[in-house]
C-alpha atoms as a PDB file:
ATOM      1  CA  MET A   1       8.305   9.013   3.162  1.00  0.00           C
ATOM      2  CA  THR A   2      10.206   8.335   6.126  1.00  0.00           C
ATOM      3  CA  GLY A   3       9.812   7.513   9.620  1.00  0.00           C
ATOM      4  CA  ASP A   4       9.840   9.143  13.104  1.00  0.00           C
ATOM      5  CA  MET A   5      11.569  12.665  13.411  1.00  0.00           C
ATOM      6  CA  LEU A   6      12.069  12.216  17.116  1.00  0.00           C
ATOM      7  CA  LEU A   7      14.277  15.118  18.569  1.00  0.00           C
ATOM      8  CA  HIS A   8      16.443  14.536  21.664  1.00  0.00           C
ATOM      9  CA  PRO A   9      18.274  17.106  23.317  1.00  0.00           C
ATOM     10  CA  GLY A  10      21.573  16.372  21.823  1.00  0.00           C
ATOM     11  CA  LEU A  11      20.049  16.873  18.571  1.00  0.00           C
ATOM     12  CA  TRP A  12      19.196  20.500  19.718  1.00  0.00           C
ATOM     13  CA  GLN A  13      22.465  21.073  20.931  1.00  0.00           C
ATOM     14  CA  GLN A  14      23.832  20.072  17.558  1.00  0.00           C
ATOM     15  CA  ALA A  15      21.568  22.156  15.682  1.00  0.00           C
ATOM     16  CA  ARG A  16      22.683  25.030  17.895  1.00  0.00           C
ATOM     17  CA  ASP A  17      26.330  24.478  17.207  1.00  0.00           C
ATOM     18  CA  ASP A  18      25.368  24.038  12.998  1.00  0.00           C
ATOM     19  CA  ALA A  19      23.906  27.356  13.662  1.00  0.00           C
ATOM     20  CA  ALA A  20      26.673  29.204  15.202  1.00  0.00           C
ATOM     21  CA  ALA A  21      28.926  27.639  12.859  1.00  0.00           C
ATOM     22  CA  ALA A  22      27.164  29.412   9.995  1.00  0.00           C
ATOM     23  CA  GLY A  23      27.400  32.628  11.903  1.00  0.00           C
ATOM     24  CA  GLN A  24      23.428  32.158  12.299  1.00  0.00           C
ATOM     25  CA  PRO A  25      21.343  32.623  15.807  1.00  0.00           C
ATOM     26  CA  GLY A  26      19.279  29.765  17.055  1.00  0.00           C
ATOM     27  CA  TYR A  27      18.749  26.440  15.533  1.00  0.00           C
ATOM     28  CA  THR A  28      19.416  24.666  12.111  1.00  0.00           C
ATOM     29  CA  PHE A  29      18.253  21.374  11.508  1.00  0.00           C
ATOM     30  CA  VAL A  30      19.217  21.424   7.996  1.00  0.00           C
ATOM     31  CA  PRO A  31      22.658  19.927   8.244  1.00  0.00           C
ATOM     32  CA  ILE A  32      21.397  17.026  10.429  1.00  0.00           C
ATOM     33  CA  LEU A  33      18.852  16.139   7.576  1.00  0.00           C
ATOM     34  CA  GLU A  34      20.978  17.203   4.732  1.00  0.00           C
ATOM     35  CA  GLY A  35      21.876  13.943   3.635  1.00  0.00           C
ATOM     36  CA  GLN A  36      17.984  13.304   2.960  1.00  0.00           C
ATOM     37  CA  ARG A  37      18.059  15.792   0.189  1.00  0.00           C
ATOM     38  CA  ARG A  38      19.417  13.907  -2.729  1.00  0.00           C
ATOM     39  CA  TYR A  39      16.478  11.350  -2.149  1.00  0.00           C
ATOM     40  CA  LEU A  40      13.715  13.861  -2.075  1.00  0.00           C
ATOM     41  CA  GLN A  41      14.684  16.042  -4.926  1.00  0.00           C
ATOM     42  CA  HIS A  42      13.160  14.355  -7.700  1.00  0.00           C
ATOM     43  CA  SER A  43       9.665  13.181  -5.931  1.00  0.00           C
ATOM     44  CA  ASP A  44       6.451  14.366  -6.877  1.00  0.00           C
ATOM     45  CA  LEU A  45       5.524  14.512  -3.106  1.00  0.00           C
ATOM     46  CA  ALA A  46       7.526  13.710   0.144  1.00  0.00           C
ATOM     47  CA  ILE A  47       5.890  13.162   3.345  1.00  0.00           C
ATOM     48  CA  CYS A  48       7.706  12.982   6.667  1.00  0.00           C
ATOM     49  CA  HIS A  49       6.395  12.344  10.541  1.00  0.00           C
ATOM     50  CA  GLN A  50       6.405  15.105  12.853  1.00  0.00           C
ATOM     51  CA  GLU A  51       6.051  12.980  15.770  1.00  0.00           C
ATOM     52  CA  THR A  52       6.423  15.616  18.706  1.00  0.00           C
ATOM     53  CA  PRO A  53       5.386  19.170  19.607  1.00  0.00           C
ATOM     54  CA  VAL A  54       7.370  22.016  18.819  1.00  0.00           C
ATOM     55  CA  GLY A  55       8.013  24.894  21.217  1.00  0.00           C
ATOM     56  CA  THR A  56       8.858  28.699  20.319  1.00  0.00           C
ATOM     57  CA  PRO A  57      11.946  29.800  18.812  1.00  0.00           C
ATOM     58  CA  ASP A  58      13.498  30.501  21.992  1.00  0.00           C
ATOM     59  CA  GLY A  59      11.846  27.564  24.251  1.00  0.00           C
ATOM     60  CA  PRO A  60      11.438  26.301  26.465  1.00  0.00           C
ATOM     61  CA  PHE A  61      12.152  23.042  25.248  1.00  0.00           C
ATOM     62  CA  ALA A  62      11.657  19.391  26.674  1.00  0.00           C
ATOM     63  CA  GLY A  63      12.823  15.752  25.764  1.00  0.00           C
ATOM     64  CA  TYR A  64      11.316  12.459  26.561  1.00  0.00           C
ATOM     65  CA  PRO A  65       8.326  12.005  28.176  1.00  0.00           C
ATOM     66  CA  SER A  66       6.531  15.205  27.368  1.00  0.00           C
ATOM     67  CA  PHE A  67       8.234  16.637  23.990  1.00  0.00           C
ATOM     68  CA  ASN A  68       8.817  20.207  23.301  1.00  0.00           C
ATOM     69  CA  VAL A  69      11.218  20.685  20.262  1.00  0.00           C
ATOM     70  CA  PRO A  70      12.857  23.637  18.577  1.00  0.00           C
ATOM     71  CA  PRO A  71      10.514  24.645  16.037  1.00  0.00           C
ATOM     72  CA  GLN A  72      13.333  24.955  13.283  1.00  0.00           C
ATOM     73  CA  ILE A  73      13.300  21.298  12.383  1.00  0.00           C
ATOM     74  CA  THR A  74       9.538  22.221  10.419  1.00  0.00           C
ATOM     75  CA  SER A  75      11.712  24.709   8.061  1.00  0.00           C
ATOM     76  CA  ALA A  76      14.523  22.322   7.645  1.00  0.00           C
ATOM     77  CA  ALA A  77      12.045  19.599   6.618  1.00  0.00           C
ATOM     78  CA  LYS A  78      10.908  21.980   4.391  1.00  0.00           C
ATOM     79  CA  ALA A  79      14.551  22.912   2.653  1.00  0.00           C
ATOM     80  CA  VAL A  80      15.485  19.617   2.024  1.00  0.00           C
ATOM     81  CA  GLY A  81      12.461  18.659   0.082  1.00  0.00           C
ATOM     82  CA  TYR A  82       9.722  17.759   1.907  1.00  0.00           C
ATOM     83  CA  ARG A  83       6.042  18.732   1.212  1.00  0.00           C
ATOM     84  CA  ALA A  84       3.917  17.594   3.982  1.00  0.00           C
ATOM     85  CA  CYS A  85       3.800  15.639   7.667  1.00  0.00           C
ATOM     86  CA  THR A  86       1.651  13.775   9.141  1.00  0.00           C
ATOM     87  CA  THR A  87       1.068  14.819  13.151  1.00  0.00           C
ATOM     88  CA  ALA A  88      -0.954  11.756  14.708  1.00  0.00           C
ATOM     89  CA  SER A  89       1.463  10.323  17.266  1.00  0.00           C
ATOM     90  CA  ASN A  90       1.683   9.244  20.892  1.00  0.00           C
ATOM     91  CA  HIS A  91       3.093  12.370  21.580  1.00  0.00           C
ATOM     92  CA  THR A  92       0.880  14.822  19.961  1.00  0.00           C
ATOM     93  CA  ILE A  93      -0.780  16.184  22.772  1.00  0.00           C
ATOM     94  CA  ASP A  94       2.344  16.224  25.191  1.00  0.00           C
ATOM     95  CA  TRP A  95       1.771  20.124  25.716  1.00  0.00           C
ATOM     96  CA  GLY A  96      -2.079  19.871  25.295  1.00  0.00           C
ATOM     97  CA  MET A  97      -4.126  21.791  22.370  1.00  0.00           C
ATOM     98  CA  ALA A  98      -1.835  24.908  22.960  1.00  0.00           C
ATOM     99  CA  GLY A  99       0.950  22.661  21.678  1.00  0.00           C
ATOM    100  CA  VAL A 100      -1.391  21.293  18.709  1.00  0.00           C
ATOM    101  CA  VAL A 101      -2.142  24.503  17.600  1.00  0.00           C
ATOM    102  CA  ARG A 102       1.496  25.916  17.767  1.00  0.00           C
ATOM    103  CA  THR A 103       2.731  22.982  16.066  1.00  0.00           C
ATOM    104  CA  LEU A 104       0.493  23.186  13.389  1.00  0.00           C
ATOM    105  CA  ASP A 105       0.999  26.896  12.994  1.00  0.00           C
ATOM    106  CA  THR A 106       4.665  26.624  12.585  1.00  0.00           C
ATOM    107  CA  LEU A 107       4.327  23.407   9.921  1.00  0.00           C
ATOM    108  CA  ALA A 108       1.931  25.800   7.892  1.00  0.00           C
ATOM    109  CA  ALA A 109       4.233  29.302   8.180  1.00  0.00           C
ATOM    110  CA  ALA A 110       7.085  26.784   7.016  1.00  0.00           C
ATOM    111  CA  GLY A 111       4.985  25.800   3.852  1.00  0.00           C
ATOM    112  CA  LEU A 112       4.449  22.278   4.924  1.00  0.00           C
ATOM    113  CA  SER A 113       0.947  20.751   4.681  1.00  0.00           C
ATOM    114  CA  HIS A 114      -0.164  18.682   7.544  1.00  0.00           C
ATOM    115  CA  THR A 115      -2.684  16.070   8.597  1.00  0.00           C
ATOM    116  CA  GLY A 116      -3.291  14.020  11.605  1.00  0.00           C
ATOM    117  CA  SER A 117      -4.237  16.830  14.406  1.00  0.00           C
ATOM    118  CA  TYR A 118      -6.080  19.606  14.273  1.00  0.00           C
ATOM    119  CA  ARG A 119      -6.844  23.419  15.590  1.00  0.00           C
ATOM    120  CA  SER A 120     -10.832  23.011  15.290  1.00  0.00           C
ATOM    121  CA  GLU A 121     -13.433  20.646  14.901  1.00  0.00           C
ATOM    122  CA  ALA A 122     -14.140  21.876  11.446  1.00  0.00           C
ATOM    123  CA  GLU A 123     -10.601  21.706  10.704  1.00  0.00           C
ATOM    124  CA  SER A 124     -10.796  18.145  11.605  1.00  0.00           C
ATOM    125  CA  HIS A 125     -13.407  17.324   8.939  1.00  0.00           C
ATOM    126  CA  GLY A 126     -11.075  18.337   5.944  1.00  0.00           C
ATOM    127  CA  ILE A 127      -8.919  16.216   4.252  1.00  0.00           C
ATOM    128  CA  LEU A 128      -5.299  16.381   3.051  1.00  0.00           C
ATOM    129  CA  LEU A 129      -5.378  16.183  -0.730  1.00  0.00           C
ATOM    130  CA  LEU A 130      -2.009  16.682  -2.162  1.00  0.00           C
ATOM    131  CA  SER A 131      -1.745  17.892  -6.047  1.00  0.00           C
ATOM    132  CA  SER A 132       1.443  16.314  -8.292  1.00  0.00           C
ATOM    133  CA  PRO A 133       1.852  16.666 -12.060  1.00  0.00           C
ATOM    134  CA  THR A 134      -0.562  13.404 -12.947  1.00  0.00           C
ATOM    135  CA  ALA A 135      -2.625  12.629  -9.818  1.00  0.00           C
ATOM    136  CA  THR A 136      -4.178  13.638  -6.826  1.00  0.00           C
ATOM    137  CA  VAL A 137      -3.203  12.030  -3.408  1.00  0.00           C
ATOM    138  CA  ALA A 138      -5.268  11.808  -0.042  1.00  0.00           C
ATOM    139  CA  VAL A 139      -3.106  10.994   3.016  1.00  0.00           C
ATOM    140  CA  ILE A 140      -5.051   9.884   5.896  1.00  0.00           C
ATOM    141  CA  ALA A 141      -3.428   9.156   9.399  1.00  0.00           C
ATOM    142  CA  GLY A 142      -4.320   7.644  13.009  1.00  0.00           C
ATOM    143  CA  THR A 143      -2.409   7.256  16.164  1.00  0.00           C
ATOM    144  CA  TYR A 144      -3.133   3.703  18.508  1.00  0.00           C
ATOM    145  CA  GLY A 145      -2.792   5.968  21.653  1.00  0.00           C
ATOM    146  CA  HIS A 146      -1.510   8.967  23.741  1.00  0.00           C
ATOM    147  CA  ASN A 147       0.674   7.227  26.218  1.00  0.00           C
ATOM    148  CA  GLY A 148      -2.141   7.546  29.070  1.00  0.00           C
ATOM    149  CA  GLN A 149      -3.194  11.331  28.130  1.00  0.00           C
ATOM    150  CA  ILE A 150      -6.643  12.305  27.058  1.00  0.00           C
ATOM    151  CA  PRO A 151      -7.213  14.795  24.148  1.00  0.00           C
ATOM    152  CA  GLU A 152      -9.197  17.646  25.094  1.00  0.00           C
ATOM    153  CA  PHE A 153     -11.535  17.250  22.595  1.00  0.00           C
ATOM    154  CA  PRO A 154     -12.391  14.099  20.703  1.00  0.00           C
ATOM    155  CA  TRP A 155     -11.649  15.608  16.996  1.00  0.00           C
ATOM    156  CA  GLU A 156      -7.864  16.727  18.188  1.00  0.00           C
ATOM    157  CA  VAL A 157      -6.177  13.617  17.198  1.00  0.00           C
ATOM    158  CA  ASP A 158      -6.986  11.033  14.541  1.00  0.00           C
ATOM    159  CA  GLU A 159      -7.003   7.569  16.155  1.00  0.00           C
ATOM    160  CA  LEU A 160      -6.005   4.575  14.514  1.00  0.00           C
ATOM    161  CA  ASP A 161      -9.682   3.546  13.993  1.00  0.00           C
ATOM    162  CA  PRO A 162     -10.340   1.282  10.714  1.00  0.00           C
ATOM    163  CA  ALA A 163     -13.901   2.609   9.972  1.00  0.00           C
ATOM    164  CA  ARG A 164     -12.868   6.433  10.372  1.00  0.00           C
ATOM    165  CA  MET A 165      -9.921   6.028   8.174  1.00  0.00           C
ATOM    166  CA  ILE A 166     -12.424   4.101   5.715  1.00  0.00           C
ATOM    167  CA  ASP A 167     -14.869   6.658   5.865  1.00  0.00           C
ATOM    168  CA  LYS A 168     -12.370   9.226   5.405  1.00  0.00           C
ATOM    169  CA  ALA A 169     -10.993   7.388   2.257  1.00  0.00           C
ATOM    170  CA  ARG A 170     -14.539   7.538   0.766  1.00  0.00           C
ATOM    171  CA  ARG A 171     -14.927  11.001   1.056  1.00  0.00           C
ATOM    172  CA  ALA A 172     -11.324  11.986  -0.097  1.00  0.00           C
ATOM    173  CA  ILE A 173     -12.418   9.751  -3.352  1.00  0.00           C
ATOM    174  CA  ALA A 174     -15.742  11.732  -3.790  1.00  0.00           C
ATOM    175  CA  ALA A 175     -13.327  14.775  -3.307  1.00  0.00           C
ATOM    176  CA  GLY A 176     -11.116  13.841  -6.278  1.00  0.00           C
ATOM    177  CA  ALA A 177      -8.556  11.803  -4.930  1.00  0.00           C
ATOM    178  CA  ASP A 178      -6.850   9.358  -7.291  1.00  0.00           C
ATOM    179  CA  ILE A 179      -4.605   7.701  -4.558  1.00  0.00           C
ATOM    180  CA  VAL A 180      -5.030   7.252  -0.915  1.00  0.00           C
ATOM    181  CA  ILE A 181      -2.140   6.629   1.431  1.00  0.00           C
ATOM    182  CA  GLY A 182      -3.017   5.231   4.941  1.00  0.00           C
ATOM    183  CA  VAL A 183      -0.202   6.296   7.790  1.00  0.00           C
ATOM    184  CA  MET A 184      -0.300   4.182  10.854  1.00  0.00           C
ATOM    185  CA  HIS A 185       1.336   5.174  14.349  1.00  0.00           C
ATOM    186  CA  ALA A 186       1.324   1.907  15.969  1.00  0.00           C
ATOM    187  CA  GLY A 187       3.447  -1.256  16.716  1.00  0.00           C
ATOM    188  CA  ASP A 188       5.726  -2.411  19.619  1.00  0.00           C
ATOM    189  CA  GLU A 189       8.692  -0.217  20.226  1.00  0.00           C
ATOM    190  CA  TYR A 190      12.202  -1.452  18.958  1.00  0.00           C
ATOM    191  CA  ALA A 191      10.671  -4.753  17.675  1.00  0.00           C
ATOM    192  CA  SER A 192      11.171  -6.535  14.079  1.00  0.00           C
ATOM    193  CA  GLU A 193       7.459  -7.292  13.212  1.00  0.00           C
ATOM    194  CA  PRO A 194       4.357  -5.928  13.378  1.00  0.00           C
ATOM    195  CA  ASN A 195       2.036  -6.706  15.937  1.00  0.00           C
ATOM    196  CA  GLN A 196      -1.554  -7.811  15.607  1.00  0.00           C
ATOM    197  CA  GLN A 197      -2.613  -4.158  15.589  1.00  0.00           C
ATOM    198  CA  GLN A 198      -0.840  -3.497  12.936  1.00  0.00           C
ATOM    199  CA  ARG A 199      -1.803  -6.204  10.907  1.00  0.00           C
ATOM    200  CA  GLU A 200      -5.462  -6.058  11.520  1.00  0.00           C
ATOM    201  CA  VAL A 201      -5.669  -2.293  10.597  1.00  0.00           C
ATOM    202  CA  SER A 202      -3.620  -2.024   7.794  1.00  0.00           C
ATOM    203  CA  HIS A 203      -5.122  -5.356   6.412  1.00  0.00           C
ATOM    204  CA  ALA A 204      -8.498  -3.936   6.952  1.00  0.00           C
ATOM    205  CA  LEU A 205      -7.873  -0.479   5.208  1.00  0.00           C
ATOM    206  CA  VAL A 206      -6.688  -2.466   2.015  1.00  0.00           C
ATOM    207  CA  ASP A 207      -9.605  -4.999   2.326  1.00  0.00           C
ATOM    208  CA  SER A 208     -11.739  -1.963   2.208  1.00  0.00           C
ATOM    209  CA  GLY A 209     -10.548  -1.175  -1.721  1.00  0.00           C
ATOM    210  CA  LEU A 210      -9.827   2.527  -1.156  1.00  0.00           C
ATOM    211  CA  PHE A 211      -6.448   2.348   0.180  1.00  0.00           C
ATOM    212  CA  THR A 212      -3.532   2.200  -2.654  1.00  0.00           C
ATOM    213  CA  MET A 213      -0.663   1.620   0.065  1.00  0.00           C
ATOM    214  CA  VAL A 214      -0.442   2.056   3.863  1.00  0.00           C
ATOM    215  CA  TYR A 215       3.329   2.584   6.045  1.00  0.00           C
ATOM    216  CA  GLY A 216       3.685   3.190   9.254  1.00  0.00           C
ATOM    217  CA  HIS A 217       5.749   4.646  12.356  1.00  0.00           C
ATOM    218  CA  HIS A 218       6.317   4.633  15.931  1.00  0.00           C
ATOM    219  CA  SER A 219       8.329   1.458  16.969  1.00  0.00           C
ATOM    220  CA  HIS A 220      11.747   3.352  16.126  1.00  0.00           C
ATOM    221  CA  SER A 221      13.004   0.298  14.033  1.00  0.00           C
ATOM    222  CA  VAL A 222      12.677  -1.071  10.787  1.00  0.00           C
ATOM    223  CA  LEU A 223       9.818  -3.523  10.149  1.00  0.00           C
ATOM    224  CA  PRO A 224       8.771  -5.444   6.763  1.00  0.00           C
ATOM    225  CA  ILE A 225       7.208  -4.677   4.042  1.00  0.00           C
ATOM    226  CA  GLU A 226       4.289  -6.638   2.406  1.00  0.00           C
ATOM    227  CA  LYS A 227       2.413  -7.209  -0.748  1.00  0.00           C
ATOM    228  CA  TYR A 228      -1.249  -7.973   0.408  1.00  0.00           C
ATOM    229  CA  ARG A 229      -4.265  -8.272  -1.910  1.00  0.00           C
ATOM    230  CA  GLY A 230      -1.827  -5.984  -4.569  1.00  0.00           C
ATOM    231  CA  ALA A 231      -1.362  -3.122  -2.402  1.00  0.00           C
ATOM    232  CA  TRP A 232       2.174  -2.522  -0.245  1.00  0.00           C
ATOM    233  CA  ILE A 233       2.018  -2.628   3.199  1.00  0.00           C
ATOM    234  CA  ALA A 234       5.219  -0.647   4.866  1.00  0.00           C
ATOM    235  CA  TYR A 235       4.744  -1.601   8.669  1.00  0.00           C
ATOM    236  CA  GLY A 236       7.657   0.545   9.894  1.00  0.00           C
ATOM    237  CA  LEU A 237      10.054   3.227   8.530  1.00  0.00           C
ATOM    238  CA  GLY A 238      11.928   3.524  11.683  1.00  0.00           C
ATOM    239  CA  ASN A 239      13.620   6.691  12.568  1.00  0.00           C
ATOM    240  CA  GLY A 240      13.607   9.955  10.172  1.00  0.00           C
ATOM    241  CA  ILE A 241      16.193  11.379  12.743  1.00  0.00           C
ATOM    242  CA  THR A 242      16.946  10.517  16.218  1.00  0.00           C
ATOM    243  CA  GLU A 243      19.692   9.945  18.620  1.00  0.00           C
ATOM    244  CA  LEU A 244      21.790   6.706  18.788  1.00  0.00           C
ATOM    245  CA  HIS A 245      20.033   4.861  21.544  1.00  0.00           C
ATOM    246  CA  PRO A 246      22.735   3.342  24.127  1.00  0.00           C
ATOM    247  CA  THR A 247      21.050   0.024  24.538  1.00  0.00           C
ATOM    248  CA  GLN A 248      18.710  -0.477  21.301  1.00  0.00           C
ATOM    249  CA  VAL A 249      20.865  -1.534  18.275  1.00  0.00           C
ATOM    250  CA  VAL A 250      17.916  -0.810  16.091  1.00  0.00           C
ATOM    251  CA  ASN A 251      16.814   2.524  17.652  1.00  0.00           C
ATOM    252  CA  ASN A 252      19.025   4.317  15.015  1.00  0.00           C
ATOM    253  CA  GLU A 253      17.740   2.840  11.933  1.00  0.00           C
ATOM    254  CA  GLY A 254      15.612   3.966   9.475  1.00  0.00           C
ATOM    255  CA  LEU A 255      14.201   3.596   6.159  1.00  0.00           C
ATOM    256  CA  LEU A 256      13.340   6.256   3.275  1.00  0.00           C
ATOM    257  CA  LEU A 257      10.486   4.989   1.030  1.00  0.00           C
ATOM    258  CA  ARG A 258      10.277   5.801  -2.433  1.00  0.00           C
ATOM    259  CA  VAL A 259       6.889   4.525  -4.208  1.00  0.00           C
ATOM    260  CA  GLN A 260       5.948   5.226  -7.934  1.00  0.00           C
ATOM    261  CA  PHE A 261       2.411   4.817  -8.593  1.00  0.00           C
ATOM    262  CA  GLY A 262       0.635   4.286 -12.041  1.00  0.00           C
ATOM    263  CA  GLN A 263      -3.078   4.200 -13.628  1.00  0.00           C
ATOM    264  CA  GLN A 264      -4.194   1.585 -14.870  1.00  0.00           C
ATOM    265  CA  LEU A 265      -5.996   0.409 -18.142  1.00  0.00           C
ATOM    266  CA  ASP A 266      -9.167   0.194 -16.044  1.00  0.00           C
ATOM    267  CA  GLY A 267      -8.472   3.666 -14.435  1.00  0.00           C
ATOM    268  CA  ARG A 268      -7.501   2.618 -10.858  1.00  0.00           C
ATOM    269  CA  TRP A 269      -3.848   3.549  -9.462  1.00  0.00           C
ATOM    270  CA  THR A 270      -1.511   1.340  -8.355  1.00  0.00           C
ATOM    271  CA  ALA A 271       1.914   1.454  -7.103  1.00  0.00           C
ATOM    272  CA  THR A 272       4.076   0.237  -9.566  1.00  0.00           C
ATOM    273  CA  ASP A 273       7.457   0.509  -8.084  1.00  0.00           C
ATOM    274  CA  LEU A 274       8.664   0.238  -4.173  1.00  0.00           C
ATOM    275  CA  ALA A 275      12.085   1.254  -3.372  1.00  0.00           C
ATOM    276  CA  TRP A 276      13.871   1.771   0.197  1.00  0.00           C
ATOM    277  CA  ALA A 277      16.912   3.353   1.460  1.00  0.00           C
ATOM    278  CA  PRO A 278      18.588   2.226   4.784  1.00  0.00           C
ATOM    279  CA  SER A 279      19.787   4.698   7.069  1.00  0.00           C
ATOM    280  CA  VAL A 280      21.246   5.317  10.389  1.00  0.00           C
ATOM    281  CA  MET A 281      21.979   8.434  12.650  1.00  0.00           C
ATOM    282  CA  VAL A 282      25.623   8.960  13.040  1.00  0.00           C
ATOM    283  CA  ALA A 283      27.279  11.098  15.970  1.00  0.00           C
ATOM    284  CA  ASN A 284      29.732  13.912  16.161  1.00  0.00           C
ATOM    285  CA  PRO A 285      28.401  15.304  14.614  1.00  0.00           C
ATOM    286  CA  PHE A 286      24.844  13.949  14.350  1.00  0.00           C
ATOM    287  CA  ARG A 287      23.919  13.514  10.705  1.00  0.00           C
ATOM    288  CA  TRP A 288      21.106  11.394   8.687  1.00  0.00           C
ATOM    289  CA  CYS A 289      23.450   9.032   6.800  1.00  0.00           C
ATOM    290  CA  SER A 290      22.442   6.324   4.237  1.00  0.00           C
ATOM    291  CA  VAL A 291      23.928   2.795   4.028  1.00  0.00           C
ATOM    292  CA  ALA A 292      22.691   1.850   0.868  1.00  0.00           C
ATOM    293  CA  GLY A 293      24.890   0.319  -1.695  1.00  0.00           C
ATOM    294  CA  ASP A 294      25.548   3.588  -3.533  1.00  0.00           C
ATOM    295  CA  ALA A 295      25.220   5.937  -0.539  1.00  0.00           C
ATOM    296  CA  PRO A 296      26.091   9.261  -2.139  1.00  0.00           C
ATOM    297  CA  GLN A 297      27.560  10.886   1.148  1.00  0.00           C
ATOM    298  CA  GLY A 298      30.319   7.895   1.636  1.00  0.00           C
ATOM    299  CA  VAL A 299      30.567   5.600   4.632  1.00  0.00           C
ATOM    300  CA  CYS A 300      28.495   6.242   7.557  1.00  0.00           C
ATOM    301  CA  SER A 301      30.458   4.296  10.268  1.00  0.00           C
ATOM    302  CA  THR A 302      33.122   2.026   8.773  1.00  0.00           C
ATOM    303  CA  PRO A 303      32.187  -0.139   5.616  1.00  0.00           C
ATOM    304  CA  GLU A 304      32.083  -3.082   7.646  1.00  0.00           C
ATOM    305  CA  ALA A 305      29.746  -1.506  10.033  1.00  0.00           C
ATOM    306  CA  ASP A 306      27.767  -0.023   7.047  1.00  0.00           C
ATOM    307  CA  ALA A 307      27.512  -3.356   5.290  1.00  0.00           C
ATOM    308  CA  ALA A 308      25.935  -5.060   8.703  1.00  0.00           C
ATOM    309  CA  THR A 309      23.443  -2.420   9.064  1.00  0.00           C
ATOM    310  CA  ARG A 310      22.417  -2.958   5.455  1.00  0.00           C
ATOM    311  CA  GLN A 311      22.174  -6.493   5.436  1.00  0.00           C
ATOM    312  CA  ARG A 312      20.406  -6.232   8.894  1.00  0.00           C
ATOM    313  CA  THR A 313      17.759  -3.916   7.600  1.00  0.00           C
ATOM    314  CA  ARG A 314      16.922  -5.919   4.454  1.00  0.00           C
ATOM    315  CA  THR A 315      16.618  -9.227   6.067  1.00  0.00           C
ATOM    316  CA  VAL A 316      14.135  -7.683   8.191  1.00  0.00           C
ATOM    317  CA  VAL A 317      12.670  -5.496   5.045  1.00  0.00           C
ATOM    318  CA  GLU A 318      12.256  -8.950   3.159  1.00  0.00           C
ATOM    319  CA  ALA A 319      10.785 -10.984   6.064  1.00  0.00           C
ATOM    320  CA  ALA A 320       7.337 -10.752   4.623  1.00  0.00           C
ATOM    321  CA  GLY A 321       8.236 -11.303   0.791  1.00  0.00           C
ATOM    322  CA  ALA A 322       9.081  -7.866   0.192  1.00  0.00           C
ATOM    323  CA  ALA A 323      11.587  -8.887  -2.308  1.00  0.00           C
ATOM    324  CA  ALA A 324       9.713 -11.441  -4.284  1.00  0.00           C
ATOM    325  CA  ALA A 325       7.033  -9.152  -4.525  1.00  0.00           C
ATOM    326  CA  GLY A 326       9.190  -6.631  -6.472  1.00  0.00           C
ATOM    327  CA  ALA A 327      10.363  -4.247  -3.814  1.00  0.00           C
ATOM    328  CA  HIS A 328      13.950  -3.144  -3.943  1.00  0.00           C
ATOM    329  CA  GLU A 329      16.778  -1.140  -2.293  1.00  0.00           C
ATOM    330  CA  LEU A 330      16.865   2.549  -3.598  1.00  0.00           C
ATOM    331  CA  LEU A 331      20.187   3.465  -5.554  1.00  0.00           C
ATOM    332  CA  ILE A 332      20.390   6.632  -6.775  1.00  0.00           C
ATOM    333  CA  THR A 333      23.885   7.670  -7.866  1.00  0.00           C
ATOM    334  CA  GLY A 334      22.960   6.644 -11.515  1.00  0.00           C
ATOM    335  CA  GLU A 335      19.937   8.739 -11.538  1.00  0.00           C
ATOM    336  CA  HIS A 336      19.106  12.040 -12.782  1.00  0.00           C
END
């Protein structure tokens, strides 16, 4: 699981330069995402968040405040190991219903399952069920808002409404889900702790007894991980990819989260292990880069800067007692 994939114009240019260097037309985001591959390759299920609408292959493209980004990001996400993406965000309807449909069609064409926004009312009643070798996983998403925009249809985007999400979880379990994951797009941008809405919604989902875990994005910063009533809540995974922000130091930080689930003797599925890998985006060229203690791609910036980022991330992640509850850094160089 990763945070927001937010494509600013500099990343489009990097993707075009990478494509040209490979003798390809258009854009390729695979080199930008390549560092994530080794963290995803042994996962039964990897989930990303496609925060923004995608355009047609030749554009026109647009950045903040109404994003419309190169669609090649979807095939790149599939190429490095993602299987599904959530799409409910404050930018989902930046380009209206046409942008919603185009984005979902593009994700589907890339071979990525999706949930959070819908082409039709009938589609909105469906639930994303993903099979693994041992369990069926339901993914239920919601966003806090739409930057003042109003969806054309009430079913167009999943809202961050605990009652609706809990109802969907009940239907997911009735349909055969063993594990139910709640996904929140919410929070205060660049914050270092969750806000009241994030706490209330995530606790309500866990209190229902239907959600196995909850995680979130939107703040573009790493937020604490908490174990609440036996369930993990990762309040904010920061950035899956983004450009460096000139004034907000935290804006280039992210978490890649790996959660292992197991079935208990009473038949319930719970998270048996939670591990996180800290990351940043580096520039010249733009690349996702892990600053974990055994980062396989080597140094991201300088050893000193990487160590400082890693420690800063650890401090925030563990602020709600995550380490004492069993969460730990993801180290993969010794894994097979």
